[in-house]
Amino acid sequence: MEERRRKTRRRPGINVGVYDKVTGERVGRLMDISIEGIMLAGGRSMKINTVYEFRITLPVSIYGKREIAFNAVCLWCDEVELTSTYRAGFQLQESSPELRELIDLWMQDPPFRSRK
């Protein structure tokens, strides 16, 4: 697959679940993240050009927050060979200040240092 990313992505370093904000269903696991987007791995195919409402539950409190909610549009989705899993790339849509701050922390520091 041709690399088209404009921003460096970072792996979270720990297992971070991503959930459907409306249903609460676990959609997948966060594979990497940047200011512009995320990649998920999960057990179902995601529909391209569809906006999803996601929620991430943080393993530690960062600036008093334990959850981050955001919308993202699916740009691509591939089935992983010899497994029943999928990888999907998403572009963030109007990300919240909390999400931008979380991403900034990931880009600068080891993942999920506790913040007051």
PDB file of N, CA and C in Angstrom:
ATOM      1  N   MET A   1       0.834  -1.171   0.000  1.00  0.00           N
ATOM      2  CA  MET A   1       0.000   0.000   0.000  1.00  0.00           C
ATOM      3  C   MET A   1       0.886   1.245   0.000  1.00  0.00           C
ATOM      4  N   GLU A   2       0.562   2.204  -0.830  1.00  0.00           N
ATOM      5  CA  GLU A   2       1.319   3.445  -0.921  1.00  0.00           C
ATOM      6  C   GLU A   2       1.122   4.283   0.344  1.00  0.00           C
ATOM      7  N   GLU A   3       2.209   4.835   0.865  1.00  0.00           N
ATOM      8  CA  GLU A   3       2.174   5.672   2.060  1.00  0.00           C
ATOM      9  C   GLU A   3       1.731   7.081   1.673  1.00  0.00           C
ATOM     10  N   ARG A   4       0.599   7.535   2.236  1.00  0.00           N
ATOM     11  CA  ARG A   4       0.077   8.862   1.905  1.00  0.00           C
ATOM     12  C   ARG A   4      -0.059   9.756   3.129  1.00  0.00           C
ATOM     13  N   ARG A   5       0.435   9.322   4.256  1.00  0.00           N
ATOM     14  CA  ARG A   5       0.314  10.112   5.474  1.00  0.00           C
ATOM     15  C   ARG A   5       1.165  11.358   5.389  1.00  0.00           C
ATOM     16  N   ARG A   6       0.604  12.456   5.902  1.00  0.00           N
ATOM     17  CA  ARG A   6       1.338  13.713   5.934  1.00  0.00           C
ATOM     18  C   ARG A   6       1.956  13.956   7.299  1.00  0.00           C
ATOM     19  N   LYS A   7       1.420  13.341   8.331  1.00  0.00           N
ATOM     20  CA  LYS A   7       1.896  13.522   9.702  1.00  0.00           C
ATOM     21  C   LYS A   7       2.402  12.194  10.241  1.00  0.00           C
ATOM     22  N   THR A   8       3.410  12.266  11.095  1.00  0.00           N
ATOM     23  CA  THR A   8       3.929  11.077  11.750  1.00  0.00           C
ATOM     24  C   THR A   8       2.888  10.528  12.708  1.00  0.00           C
ATOM     25  N   ARG A   9       2.729   9.210  12.696  1.00  0.00           N
ATOM     26  CA  ARG A   9       1.808   8.560  13.631  1.00  0.00           C
ATOM     27  C   ARG A   9       2.609   7.884  14.723  1.00  0.00           C
ATOM     28  N   ARG A  10       1.962   7.701  15.855  1.00  0.00           N
ATOM     29  CA  ARG A  10       2.617   7.067  16.996  1.00  0.00           C
ATOM     30  C   ARG A  10       1.733   5.955  17.528  1.00  0.00           C
ATOM     31  N   ARG A  11       2.345   4.835  17.858  1.00  0.00           N
ATOM     32  CA  ARG A  11       1.626   3.728  18.486  1.00  0.00           C
ATOM     33  C   ARG A  11       1.419   4.064  19.952  1.00  0.00           C
ATOM     34  N   PRO A  12       0.268   3.688  20.516  1.00  0.00           N
ATOM     35  CA  PRO A  12       0.006   4.055  21.907  1.00  0.00           C
ATOM     36  C   PRO A  12       0.870   3.325  22.922  1.00  0.00           C
ATOM     37  N   GLY A  13       1.454   2.191  22.600  1.00  0.00           N
ATOM     38  CA  GLY A  13       2.319   1.484  23.532  1.00  0.00           C
ATOM     39  C   GLY A  13       1.586   0.556  24.489  1.00  0.00           C
ATOM     40  N   ILE A  14       0.281   0.676  24.567  1.00  0.00           N
ATOM     41  CA  ILE A  14      -0.559  -0.189  25.396  1.00  0.00           C
ATOM     42  C   ILE A  14      -1.838  -0.469  24.619  1.00  0.00           C
ATOM     43  N   ASN A  15      -2.619  -1.443  25.070  1.00  0.00           N
ATOM     44  CA  ASN A  15      -3.878  -1.776  24.413  1.00  0.00           C
ATOM     45  C   ASN A  15      -4.929  -0.731  24.781  1.00  0.00           C
ATOM     46  N   VAL A  16      -5.359   0.047  23.786  1.00  0.00           N
ATOM     47  CA  VAL A  16      -6.369   1.083  23.992  1.00  0.00           C
ATOM     48  C   VAL A  16      -7.587   0.736  23.147  1.00  0.00           C
ATOM     49  N   GLY A  17      -8.702   0.466  23.808  1.00  0.00           N
ATOM     50  CA  GLY A  17      -9.937   0.142  23.112  1.00  0.00           C
ATOM     51  C   GLY A  17     -10.616   1.393  22.568  1.00  0.00           C
ATOM     52  N   VAL A  18     -11.240   1.231  21.402  1.00  0.00           N
ATOM     53  CA  VAL A  18     -12.031   2.300  20.787  1.00  0.00           C
ATOM     54  C   VAL A  18     -13.463   1.788  20.700  1.00  0.00           C
ATOM     55  N   TYR A  19     -14.415   2.615  21.152  1.00  0.00           N
ATOM     56  CA  TYR A  19     -15.822   2.212  21.277  1.00  0.00           C
ATOM     57  C   TYR A  19     -16.726   3.118  20.461  1.00  0.00           C
ATOM     58  N   ASP A  20     -17.839   2.545  20.009  1.00  0.00           N
ATOM     59  CA  ASP A  20     -18.889   3.330  19.364  1.00  0.00           C
ATOM     60  C   ASP A  20     -19.517   4.201  20.439  1.00  0.00           C
ATOM     61  N   LYS A  21     -19.510   5.499  20.230  1.00  0.00           N
ATOM     62  CA  LYS A  21     -20.006   6.442  21.234  1.00  0.00           C
ATOM     63  C   LYS A  21     -21.500   6.263  21.495  1.00  0.00           C
ATOM     64  N   VAL A  22     -22.258   5.841  20.502  1.00  0.00           N
ATOM     65  CA  VAL A  22     -23.709   5.718  20.633  1.00  0.00           C
ATOM     66  C   VAL A  22     -24.104   4.392  21.284  1.00  0.00           C
ATOM     67  N   THR A  23     -23.556   3.274  20.775  1.00  0.00           N
ATOM     68  CA  THR A  23     -23.967   1.954  21.257  1.00  0.00           C
ATOM     69  C   THR A  23     -23.117   1.434  22.414  1.00  0.00           C
ATOM     70  N   GLY A  24     -21.905   1.977  22.575  1.00  0.00           N
ATOM     71  CA  GLY A  24     -20.991   1.490  23.592  1.00  0.00           C
ATOM     72  C   GLY A  24     -20.228   0.242  23.179  1.00  0.00           C
ATOM     73  N   GLU A  25     -20.503  -0.287  21.983  1.00  0.00           N
ATOM     74  CA  GLU A  25     -19.838  -1.488  21.486  1.00  0.00           C
ATOM     75  C   GLU A  25     -18.364  -1.209  21.182  1.00  0.00           C
ATOM     76  N   ARG A  26     -17.500  -2.170  21.549  1.00  0.00           N
ATOM     77  CA  ARG A  26     -16.080  -2.035  21.221  1.00  0.00           C
ATOM     78  C   ARG A  26     -15.918  -2.233  19.718  1.00  0.00           C
ATOM     79  N   VAL A  27     -15.334  -1.240  19.059  1.00  0.00           N
ATOM     80  CA  VAL A  27     -15.138  -1.268  17.613  1.00  0.00           C
ATOM     81  C   VAL A  27     -13.795  -1.899  17.273  1.00  0.00           C
ATOM     82  N   GLY A  28     -12.796  -1.626  18.101  1.00  0.00           N
ATOM     83  CA  GLY A  28     -11.471  -2.159  17.824  1.00  0.00           C
ATOM     84  C   GLY A  28     -10.441  -1.643  18.796  1.00  0.00           C
ATOM     85  N   ARG A  29      -9.196  -1.843  18.387  1.00  0.00           N
ATOM     86  CA  ARG A  29      -8.045  -1.444  19.192  1.00  0.00           C
ATOM     87  C   ARG A  29      -7.288  -0.365  18.432  1.00  0.00           C
ATOM     88  N   LEU A  30      -6.874   0.680  19.142  1.00  0.00           N
ATOM     89  CA  LEU A  30      -6.102   1.755  18.540  1.00  0.00           C
ATOM     90  C   LEU A  30      -4.722   1.248  18.168  1.00  0.00           C
ATOM     91  N   MET A  31      -4.384   1.319  16.884  1.00  0.00           N
ATOM     92  CA  MET A  31      -3.076   0.862  16.409  1.00  0.00           C
ATOM     93  C   MET A  31      -2.073   2.000  16.371  1.00  0.00           C
ATOM     94  N   ASP A  32      -2.501   3.164  15.858  1.00  0.00           N
ATOM     95  CA  ASP A  32      -1.654   4.341  15.870  1.00  0.00           C
ATOM     96  C   ASP A  32      -2.509   5.586  15.757  1.00  0.00           C
ATOM     97  N   ILE A  33      -1.861   6.731  16.018  1.00  0.00           N
ATOM     98  CA  ILE A  33      -2.598   7.985  16.105  1.00  0.00           C
ATOM     99  C   ILE A  33      -1.699   9.141  15.686  1.00  0.00           C
ATOM    100  N   SER A  34      -2.313  10.162  15.084  1.00  0.00           N
ATOM    101  CA  SER A  34      -1.623  11.410  14.760  1.00  0.00           C
ATOM    102  C   SER A  34      -2.625  12.539  14.942  1.00  0.00           C
ATOM    103  N   ILE A  35      -2.180  13.746  14.732  1.00  0.00           N
ATOM    104  CA  ILE A  35      -3.071  14.903  14.807  1.00  0.00           C
ATOM    105  C   ILE A  35      -4.194  14.783  13.778  1.00  0.00           C
ATOM    106  N   GLU A  36      -3.932  14.119  12.661  1.00  0.00           N
ATOM    107  CA  GLU A  36      -4.903  14.035  11.574  1.00  0.00           C
ATOM    108  C   GLU A  36      -5.757  12.781  11.575  1.00  0.00           C
ATOM    109  N   GLY A  37      -5.273  11.678  12.180  1.00  0.00           N
ATOM    110  CA  GLY A  37      -6.049  10.459  12.052  1.00  0.00           C
ATOM    111  C   GLY A  37      -5.608   9.338  12.968  1.00  0.00           C
ATOM    112  N   ILE A  38      -6.323   8.216  12.823  1.00  0.00           N
ATOM    113  CA  ILE A  38      -6.040   7.019  13.609  1.00  0.00           C
ATOM    114  C   ILE A  38      -6.139   5.791  12.715  1.00  0.00           C
ATOM    115  N   MET A  39      -5.525   4.702  13.187  1.00  0.00           N
ATOM    116  CA  MET A  39      -5.727   3.403  12.560  1.00  0.00           C
ATOM    117  C   MET A  39      -6.220   2.459  13.647  1.00  0.00           C
ATOM    118  N   LEU A  40      -7.267   1.697  13.312  1.00  0.00           N
ATOM    119  CA  LEU A  40      -7.851   0.726  14.228  1.00  0.00           C
ATOM    120  C   LEU A  40      -7.669  -0.680  13.683  1.00  0.00           C
ATOM    121  N   ALA A  41      -7.637  -1.654  14.582  1.00  0.00           N
ATOM    122  CA  ALA A  41      -7.718  -3.069  14.219  1.00  0.00           C
ATOM    123  C   ALA A  41      -8.922  -3.622  14.958  1.00  0.00           C
ATOM    124  N   GLY A  42      -9.769  -4.365  14.254  1.00  0.00           N
ATOM    125  CA  GLY A  42     -10.968  -4.899  14.882  1.00  0.00           C
ATOM    126  C   GLY A  42     -11.531  -6.087  14.147  1.00  0.00           C
ATOM    127  N   GLY A  43     -12.634  -6.584  14.650  1.00  0.00           N
ATOM    128  CA  GLY A  43     -13.239  -7.786  14.118  1.00  0.00           C
ATOM    129  C   GLY A  43     -14.293  -7.570  13.058  1.00  0.00           C
ATOM    130  N   ARG A  44     -14.476  -6.326  12.616  1.00  0.00           N
ATOM    131  CA  ARG A  44     -15.480  -6.091  11.580  1.00  0.00           C
ATOM    132  C   ARG A  44     -14.981  -5.074  10.563  1.00  0.00           C
ATOM    133  N   SER A  45     -15.547  -5.166   9.385  1.00  0.00           N
ATOM    134  CA  SER A  45     -15.218  -4.233   8.315  1.00  0.00           C
ATOM    135  C   SER A  45     -15.880  -2.891   8.606  1.00  0.00           C
ATOM    136  N   MET A  46     -15.185  -1.812   8.291  1.00  0.00           N
ATOM    137  CA  MET A  46     -15.720  -0.459   8.470  1.00  0.00           C
ATOM    138  C   MET A  46     -16.062   0.093   7.087  1.00  0.00           C
ATOM    139  N   LYS A  47     -17.147   0.837   7.011  1.00  0.00           N
ATOM    140  CA  LYS A  47     -17.637   1.357   5.736  1.00  0.00           C
ATOM    141  C   LYS A  47     -16.865   2.631   5.347  1.00  0.00           C
ATOM    142  N   ILE A  48     -16.251   2.599   4.174  1.00  0.00           N
ATOM    143  CA  ILE A  48     -15.466   3.732   3.679  1.00  0.00           C
ATOM    144  C   ILE A  48     -16.384   4.932   3.425  1.00  0.00           C
ATOM    145  N   ASN A  49     -15.865   6.131   3.679  1.00  0.00           N
ATOM    146  CA  ASN A  49     -16.565   7.416   3.529  1.00  0.00           C
ATOM    147  C   ASN A  49     -17.726   7.581   4.505  1.00  0.00           C
ATOM    148  N   THR A  50     -17.694   6.843   5.594  1.00  0.00           N
ATOM    149  CA  THR A  50     -18.714   6.954   6.633  1.00  0.00           C
ATOM    150  C   THR A  50     -18.085   7.600   7.863  1.00  0.00           C
ATOM    151  N   VAL A  51     -18.834   8.522   8.483  1.00  0.00           N
ATOM    152  CA  VAL A  51     -18.362   9.164   9.705  1.00  0.00           C
ATOM    153  C   VAL A  51     -18.823   8.325  10.897  1.00  0.00           C
ATOM    154  N   TYR A  52     -17.881   7.980  11.751  1.00  0.00           N
ATOM    155  CA  TYR A  52     -18.152   7.209  12.954  1.00  0.00           C
ATOM    156  C   TYR A  52     -17.953   8.097  14.176  1.00  0.00           C
ATOM    157  N   GLU A  53     -18.762   7.839  15.202  1.00  0.00           N
ATOM    158  CA  GLU A  53     -18.632   8.529  16.480  1.00  0.00           C
ATOM    159  C   GLU A  53     -17.939   7.575  17.440  1.00  0.00           C
ATOM    160  N   PHE A  54     -16.722   7.934  17.871  1.00  0.00           N
ATOM    161  CA  PHE A  54     -15.906   7.060  18.706  1.00  0.00           C
ATOM    162  C   PHE A  54     -15.697   7.636  20.098  1.00  0.00           C
ATOM    163  N   ARG A  55     -15.309   6.729  20.989  1.00  0.00           N
ATOM    164  CA  ARG A  55     -14.948   7.098  22.358  1.00  0.00           C
ATOM    165  C   ARG A  55     -13.767   6.220  22.751  1.00  0.00           C
ATOM    166  N   ILE A  56     -12.765   6.842  23.378  1.00  0.00           N
ATOM    167  CA  ILE A  56     -11.611   6.116  23.910  1.00  0.00           C
ATOM    168  C   ILE A  56     -11.652   6.265  25.422  1.00  0.00           C
ATOM    169  N   THR A  57     -11.572   5.144  26.128  1.00  0.00           N
ATOM    170  CA  THR A  57     -11.451   5.171  27.586  1.00  0.00           C
ATOM    171  C   THR A  57      -9.969   5.081  27.912  1.00  0.00           C
ATOM    172  N   LEU A  58      -9.473   6.087  28.598  1.00  0.00           N
ATOM    173  CA  LEU A  58      -8.056   6.159  28.921  1.00  0.00           C
ATOM    174  C   LEU A  58      -7.726   5.282  30.125  1.00  0.00           C
ATOM    175  N   PRO A  59      -6.567   4.638  30.125  1.00  0.00           N
ATOM    176  CA  PRO A  59      -6.193   3.787  31.255  1.00  0.00           C
ATOM    177  C   PRO A  59      -5.811   4.581  32.511  1.00  0.00           C
ATOM    178  N   VAL A  60      -5.464   5.848  32.344  1.00  0.00           N
ATOM    179  CA  VAL A  60      -5.172   6.736  33.468  1.00  0.00           C
ATOM    180  C   VAL A  60      -5.818   8.084  33.183  1.00  0.00           C
ATOM    181  N   SER A  61      -6.021   8.850  34.212  1.00  0.00           N
ATOM    182  CA  SER A  61      -6.590  10.183  34.060  1.00  0.00           C
ATOM    183  C   SER A  61      -5.534  11.125  33.498  1.00  0.00           C
ATOM    184  N   ILE A  62      -5.881  11.851  32.472  1.00  0.00           N
ATOM    185  CA  ILE A  62      -5.010  12.874  31.902  1.00  0.00           C
ATOM    186  C   ILE A  62      -5.740  14.199  32.034  1.00  0.00           C
ATOM    187  N   TYR A  63      -5.181  15.066  32.868  1.00  0.00           N
ATOM    188  CA  TYR A  63      -5.808  16.360  33.164  1.00  0.00           C
ATOM    189  C   TYR A  63      -7.255  16.182  33.615  1.00  0.00           C
ATOM    190  N   GLY A  64      -7.510  15.159  34.417  1.00  0.00           N
ATOM    191  CA  GLY A  64      -8.838  14.920  34.971  1.00  0.00           C
ATOM    192  C   GLY A  64      -9.809  14.229  34.036  1.00  0.00           C
ATOM    193  N   LYS A  65      -9.383  13.866  32.853  1.00  0.00           N
ATOM    194  CA  LYS A  65     -10.250  13.206  31.864  1.00  0.00           C
ATOM    195  C   LYS A  65      -9.939  11.722  31.793  1.00  0.00           C
ATOM    196  N   ARG A  66     -10.990  10.895  31.737  1.00  0.00           N
ATOM    197  CA  ARG A  66     -10.824   9.449  31.572  1.00  0.00           C
ATOM    198  C   ARG A  66     -11.363   8.968  30.224  1.00  0.00           C
ATOM    199  N   GLU A  67     -12.085   9.838  29.520  1.00  0.00           N
ATOM    200  CA  GLU A  67     -12.625   9.482  28.203  1.00  0.00           C
ATOM    201  C   GLU A  67     -12.417  10.628  27.231  1.00  0.00           C
ATOM    202  N   ILE A  68     -12.215  10.261  25.975  1.00  0.00           N
ATOM    203  CA  ILE A  68     -12.121  11.227  24.895  1.00  0.00           C
ATOM    204  C   ILE A  68     -13.102  10.779  23.811  1.00  0.00           C
ATOM    205  N   ALA A  69     -13.970  11.679  23.355  1.00  0.00           N
ATOM    206  CA  ALA A  69     -14.931  11.370  22.291  1.00  0.00           C
ATOM    207  C   ALA A  69     -14.568  12.184  21.050  1.00  0.00           C
ATOM    208  N   PHE A  70     -14.760  11.570  19.882  1.00  0.00           N
ATOM    209  CA  PHE A  70     -14.437  12.255  18.632  1.00  0.00           C
ATOM    210  C   PHE A  70     -15.151  11.583  17.470  1.00  0.00           C
ATOM    211  N   ASN A  71     -15.252  12.302  16.360  1.00  0.00           N
ATOM    212  CA  ASN A  71     -15.806  11.774  15.120  1.00  0.00           C
ATOM    213  C   ASN A  71     -14.668  11.604  14.123  1.00  0.00           C
ATOM    214  N   ALA A  72     -14.766  10.549  13.305  1.00  0.00           N
ATOM    215  CA  ALA A  72     -13.743  10.282  12.298  1.00  0.00           C
ATOM    216  C   ALA A  72     -14.386   9.619  11.094  1.00  0.00           C
ATOM    217  N   VAL A  73     -13.880   9.959   9.911  1.00  0.00           N
ATOM    218  CA  VAL A  73     -14.385   9.365   8.673  1.00  0.00           C
ATOM    219  C   VAL A  73     -13.428   8.261   8.240  1.00  0.00           C
ATOM    220  N   CYS A  74     -13.992   7.123   7.853  1.00  0.00           N
ATOM    221  CA  CYS A  74     -13.189   5.988   7.408  1.00  0.00           C
ATOM    222  C   CYS A  74     -12.683   6.253   5.990  1.00  0.00           C
ATOM    223  N   LEU A  75     -11.366   6.205   5.810  1.00  0.00           N
ATOM    224  CA  LEU A  75     -10.758   6.431   4.498  1.00  0.00           C
ATOM    225  C   LEU A  75     -10.444   5.127   3.775  1.00  0.00           C
ATOM    226  N   TRP A  76     -10.163   4.073   4.534  1.00  0.00           N
ATOM    227  CA  TRP A  76      -9.856   2.775   3.945  1.00  0.00           C
ATOM    228  C   TRP A  76     -10.079   1.682   4.984  1.00  0.00           C
ATOM    229  N   CYS A  77     -10.279   0.459   4.497  1.00  0.00           N
ATOM    230  CA  CYS A  77     -10.447  -0.691   5.374  1.00  0.00           C
ATOM    231  C   CYS A  77      -9.954  -1.928   4.625  1.00  0.00           C
ATOM    232  N   ASP A  78      -9.061  -2.692   5.267  1.00  0.00           N
ATOM    233  CA  ASP A  78      -8.493  -3.904   4.673  1.00  0.00           C
ATOM    234  C   ASP A  78      -8.666  -5.074   5.608  1.00  0.00           C
ATOM    235  N   GLU A  79      -8.938  -6.255   5.039  1.00  0.00           N
ATOM    236  CA  GLU A  79      -8.949  -7.479   5.839  1.00  0.00           C
ATOM    237  C   GLU A  79      -7.508  -7.958   5.986  1.00  0.00           C
ATOM    238  N   VAL A  80      -7.133  -8.340   7.186  1.00  0.00           N
ATOM    239  CA  VAL A  80      -5.792  -8.846   7.445  1.00  0.00           C
ATOM    240  C   VAL A  80      -5.741 -10.300   7.004  1.00  0.00           C
ATOM    241  N   GLU A  81      -4.773 -10.637   6.167  1.00  0.00           N
ATOM    242  CA  GLU A  81      -4.660 -11.998   5.626  1.00  0.00           C
ATOM    243  C   GLU A  81      -4.589 -13.049   6.724  1.00  0.00           C
ATOM    244  N   LEU A  82      -5.253 -14.167   6.484  1.00  0.00           N
ATOM    245  CA  LEU A  82      -5.232 -15.350   7.352  1.00  0.00           C
ATOM    246  C   LEU A  82      -5.795 -15.107   8.742  1.00  0.00           C
ATOM    247  N   THR A  83      -6.540 -14.043   8.912  1.00  0.00           N
ATOM    248  CA  THR A  83      -7.201 -13.768  10.196  1.00  0.00           C
ATOM    249  C   THR A  83      -8.628 -13.322   9.903  1.00  0.00           C
ATOM    250  N   SER A  84      -9.394 -13.157  10.931  1.00  0.00           N
ATOM    251  CA  SER A  84     -10.748 -12.627  10.752  1.00  0.00           C
ATOM    252  C   SER A  84     -10.804 -11.200  11.293  1.00  0.00           C
ATOM    253  N   THR A  85      -9.699 -10.465  11.113  1.00  0.00           N
ATOM    254  CA  THR A  85      -9.647  -9.081  11.591  1.00  0.00           C
ATOM    255  C   THR A  85      -9.465  -8.110  10.435  1.00  0.00           C
ATOM    256  N   TYR A  86      -9.736  -6.859  10.739  1.00  0.00           N
ATOM    257  CA  TYR A  86      -9.636  -5.787   9.761  1.00  0.00           C
ATOM    258  C   TYR A  86      -8.799  -4.655  10.334  1.00  0.00           C
ATOM    259  N   ARG A  87      -8.158  -3.908   9.444  1.00  0.00           N
ATOM    260  CA  ARG A  87      -7.499  -2.657   9.796  1.00  0.00           C
ATOM    261  C   ARG A  87      -8.211  -1.564   9.028  1.00  0.00           C
ATOM    262  N   ALA A  88      -8.372  -0.415   9.666  1.00  0.00           N
ATOM    263  CA  ALA A  88      -9.056   0.696   9.010  1.00  0.00           C
ATOM    264  C   ALA A  88      -8.378   2.003   9.392  1.00  0.00           C
ATOM    265  N   GLY A  89      -8.285   2.909   8.418  1.00  0.00           N
ATOM    266  CA  GLY A  89      -7.705   4.228   8.637  1.00  0.00           C
ATOM    267  C   GLY A  89      -8.796   5.279   8.645  1.00  0.00           C
ATOM    268  N   PHE A  90      -8.689   6.209   9.582  1.00  0.00           N
ATOM    269  CA  PHE A  90      -9.695   7.248   9.773  1.00  0.00           C
ATOM    270  C   PHE A  90      -9.057   8.620   9.824  1.00  0.00           C
ATOM    271  N   GLN A  91      -9.766   9.587   9.273  1.00  0.00           N
ATOM    272  CA  GLN A  91      -9.367  10.992   9.390  1.00  0.00           C
ATOM    273  C   GLN A  91     -10.247  11.632  10.456  1.00  0.00           C
ATOM    274  N   LEU A  92      -9.613  12.299  11.419  1.00  0.00           N
ATOM    275  CA  LEU A  92     -10.365  12.958  12.486  1.00  0.00           C
ATOM    276  C   LEU A  92     -11.176  14.119  11.917  1.00  0.00           C
ATOM    277  N   GLN A  93     -12.360  14.301  12.449  1.00  0.00           N
ATOM    278  CA  GLN A  93     -13.257  15.372  12.034  1.00  0.00           C
ATOM    279  C   GLN A  93     -13.423  16.344  13.199  1.00  0.00           C
ATOM    280  N   GLU A  94     -12.978  17.577  13.042  1.00  0.00           N
ATOM    281  CA  GLU A  94     -13.155  18.601  14.073  1.00  0.00           C
ATOM    282  C   GLU A  94     -12.853  18.051  15.460  1.00  0.00           C
ATOM    283  N   SER A  95     -11.622  17.611  15.679  1.00  0.00           N
ATOM    284  CA  SER A  95     -11.266  16.993  16.950  1.00  0.00           C
ATOM    285  C   SER A  95     -11.331  17.997  18.103  1.00  0.00           C
ATOM    286  N   SER A  96     -11.690  17.493  19.265  1.00  0.00           N
ATOM    287  CA  SER A  96     -11.841  18.308  20.463  1.00  0.00           C
ATOM    288  C   SER A  96     -10.469  18.751  20.975  1.00  0.00           C
ATOM    289  N   PRO A  97     -10.425  19.805  21.776  1.00  0.00           N
ATOM    290  CA  PRO A  97      -9.152  20.215  22.385  1.00  0.00           C
ATOM    291  C   PRO A  97      -8.545  19.093  23.230  1.00  0.00           C
ATOM    292  N   GLU A  98      -9.390  18.299  23.909  1.00  0.00           N
ATOM    293  CA  GLU A  98      -8.885  17.197  24.718  1.00  0.00           C
ATOM    294  C   GLU A  98      -8.184  16.148  23.850  1.00  0.00           C
ATOM    295  N   LEU A  99      -8.782  15.826  22.707  1.00  0.00           N
ATOM    296  CA  LEU A  99      -8.175  14.836  21.820  1.00  0.00           C
ATOM    297  C   LEU A  99      -6.863  15.368  21.264  1.00  0.00           C
ATOM    298  N   ARG A 100      -6.840  16.617  20.841  1.00  0.00           N
ATOM    299  CA  ARG A 100      -5.594  17.217  20.331  1.00  0.00           C
ATOM    300  C   ARG A 100      -4.514  17.210  21.403  1.00  0.00           C
ATOM    301  N   GLU A 101      -4.886  17.511  22.643  1.00  0.00           N
ATOM    302  CA  GLU A 101      -3.921  17.517  23.738  1.00  0.00           C
ATOM    303  C   GLU A 101      -3.403  16.108  24.003  1.00  0.00           C
ATOM    304  N   LEU A 102      -4.292  15.121  23.984  1.00  0.00           N
ATOM    305  CA  LEU A 102      -3.885  13.730  24.174  1.00  0.00           C
ATOM    306  C   LEU A 102      -2.905  13.321  23.087  1.00  0.00           C
ATOM    307  N   ILE A 103      -3.215  13.640  21.848  1.00  0.00           N
ATOM    308  CA  ILE A 103      -2.329  13.297  20.738  1.00  0.00           C
ATOM    309  C   ILE A 103      -0.987  13.994  20.900  1.00  0.00           C
ATOM    310  N   ASP A 104      -1.012  15.266  21.279  1.00  0.00           N
ATOM    311  CA  ASP A 104       0.244  15.991  21.520  1.00  0.00           C
ATOM    312  C   ASP A 104       1.086  15.299  22.583  1.00  0.00           C
ATOM    313  N   LEU A 105       0.442  14.832  23.658  1.00  0.00           N
ATOM    314  CA  LEU A 105       1.167  14.124  24.712  1.00  0.00           C
ATOM    315  C   LEU A 105       1.803  12.846  24.182  1.00  0.00           C
ATOM    316  N   TRP A 106       1.059  12.104  23.355  1.00  0.00           N
ATOM    317  CA  TRP A 106       1.604  10.882  22.768  1.00  0.00           C
ATOM    318  C   TRP A 106       2.807  11.183  21.890  1.00  0.00           C
ATOM    319  N   MET A 107       2.743  12.289  21.177  1.00  0.00           N
ATOM    320  CA  MET A 107       3.814  12.621  20.255  1.00  0.00           C
ATOM    321  C   MET A 107       5.072  13.100  20.996  1.00  0.00           C
ATOM    322  N   GLN A 108       4.923  13.624  22.212  1.00  0.00           N
ATOM    323  CA  GLN A 108       6.047  14.200  22.942  1.00  0.00           C
ATOM    324  C   GLN A 108       6.611  13.289  24.015  1.00  0.00           C
ATOM    325  N   ASP A 109       5.766  12.533  24.717  1.00  0.00           N
ATOM    326  CA  ASP A 109       6.157  11.788  25.912  1.00  0.00           C
ATOM    327  C   ASP A 109       5.871  10.305  25.748  1.00  0.00           C
ATOM    328  N   PRO A 110       6.456   9.485  26.631  1.00  0.00           N
ATOM    329  CA  PRO A 110       6.038   8.083  26.673  1.00  0.00           C
ATOM    330  C   PRO A 110       4.534   8.018  26.917  1.00  0.00           C
ATOM    331  N   PRO A 111       3.865   7.002  26.402  1.00  0.00           N
ATOM    332  CA  PRO A 111       2.406   6.969  26.457  1.00  0.00           C
ATOM    333  C   PRO A 111       1.842   6.917  27.872  1.00  0.00           C
ATOM    334  N   PHE A 112       0.809   7.695  28.062  1.00  0.00           N
ATOM    335  CA  PHE A 112      -0.033   7.664  29.236  1.00  0.00           C
ATOM    336  C   PHE A 112       0.685   7.891  30.555  1.00  0.00           C
ATOM    337  N   ARG A 113       1.587   8.839  30.573  1.00  0.00           N
ATOM    338  CA  ARG A 113       2.080   9.295  31.859  1.00  0.00           C
ATOM    339  C   ARG A 113       0.921   9.968  32.568  1.00  0.00           C
ATOM    340  N   SER A 114       0.817   9.774  33.833  1.00  0.00           N
ATOM    341  CA  SER A 114      -0.277  10.366  34.601  1.00  0.00           C
ATOM    342  C   SER A 114      -0.119  11.884  34.632  1.00  0.00           C
ATOM    343  N   ARG A 115      -1.178  12.586  34.372  1.00  0.00           N
ATOM    344  CA  ARG A 115      -1.187  14.060  34.368  1.00  0.00           C
ATOM    345  C   ARG A 115      -2.151  14.542  35.426  1.00  0.00           C
ATOM    346  N   LYS A 116      -1.838  15.603  36.090  1.00  0.00           N
ATOM    347  CA  LYS A 116      -2.715  16.175  37.119  1.00  0.00           C
ATOM    348  C   LYS A 116      -3.645  17.199  36.508  1.00  0.00           C
TER     349      LYS A 116
END
